[in-house]
Protein backbone atom coordinates (compact mmCIF):
# COMPACT_ATOMS: atom_id res chain seq x y z
CA UNK A 1 -16.30 -16.47 14.11
CA UNK A 2 -14.22 -13.93 12.18
CA UNK A 3 -15.13 -13.28 8.59
CA UNK A 4 -12.79 -14.39 5.85
CA UNK A 5 -10.72 -11.83 4.03
CA UNK A 6 -10.14 -12.36 0.33
CA UNK A 7 -7.33 -10.80 -1.66
CA UNK A 8 -8.12 -8.36 -4.43
CA UNK A 9 -6.66 -10.88 -6.90
CA UNK A 10 -9.03 -13.61 -5.68
CA UNK A 11 -11.98 -11.24 -5.95
CA UNK A 12 -11.06 -10.20 -9.52
CA UNK A 13 -10.48 -13.80 -10.56
CA UNK A 14 -13.80 -14.94 -9.08
CA UNK A 15 -15.74 -12.23 -10.92
CA UNK A 16 -13.86 -12.93 -14.15
CA UNK A 17 -14.62 -16.64 -13.83
CA UNK A 18 -18.33 -15.87 -13.42
CA UNK A 19 -18.40 -13.40 -16.30
CA UNK A 20 -16.63 -15.86 -18.60
CA UNK A 21 -18.81 -18.86 -17.72
CA UNK A 22 -22.08 -18.42 -19.62
CA UNK A 23 -24.77 -20.82 -18.54
CA UNK A 24 -23.11 -21.61 -15.21
CA UNK A 25 -24.99 -20.43 -12.14
CA UNK A 26 -23.47 -18.13 -9.56
CA UNK A 27 -24.27 -20.81 -6.98
CA UNK A 28 -22.19 -23.41 -8.84
CA UNK A 29 -19.20 -21.11 -9.17
CA UNK A 30 -19.40 -20.04 -5.52
CA UNK A 31 -19.55 -23.68 -4.43
CA UNK A 32 -16.55 -24.56 -6.61
CA UNK A 33 -14.58 -21.69 -5.08
CA UNK A 34 -15.66 -22.58 -1.55
CA UNK A 35 -17.38 -19.28 -0.88
CA UNK A 36 -20.92 -18.22 -0.10
CA UNK A 37 -23.13 -17.33 -3.07
CA UNK A 38 -23.99 -13.97 -1.53
CA UNK A 39 -20.29 -13.19 -1.16
CA UNK A 40 -19.74 -13.74 -4.86
CA UNK A 41 -22.86 -11.82 -5.77
CA UNK A 42 -21.64 -8.81 -3.80
């Protein structure tokens, strides 16, 4: 199964969302975005 490729814009937006969401876990944000937690953590 090929790995997904995310745009730079998506990556920036995902990190910004995490940084601007105090008290929300990385797992919750990753789930909401439909990506793996480890992917967001990287």
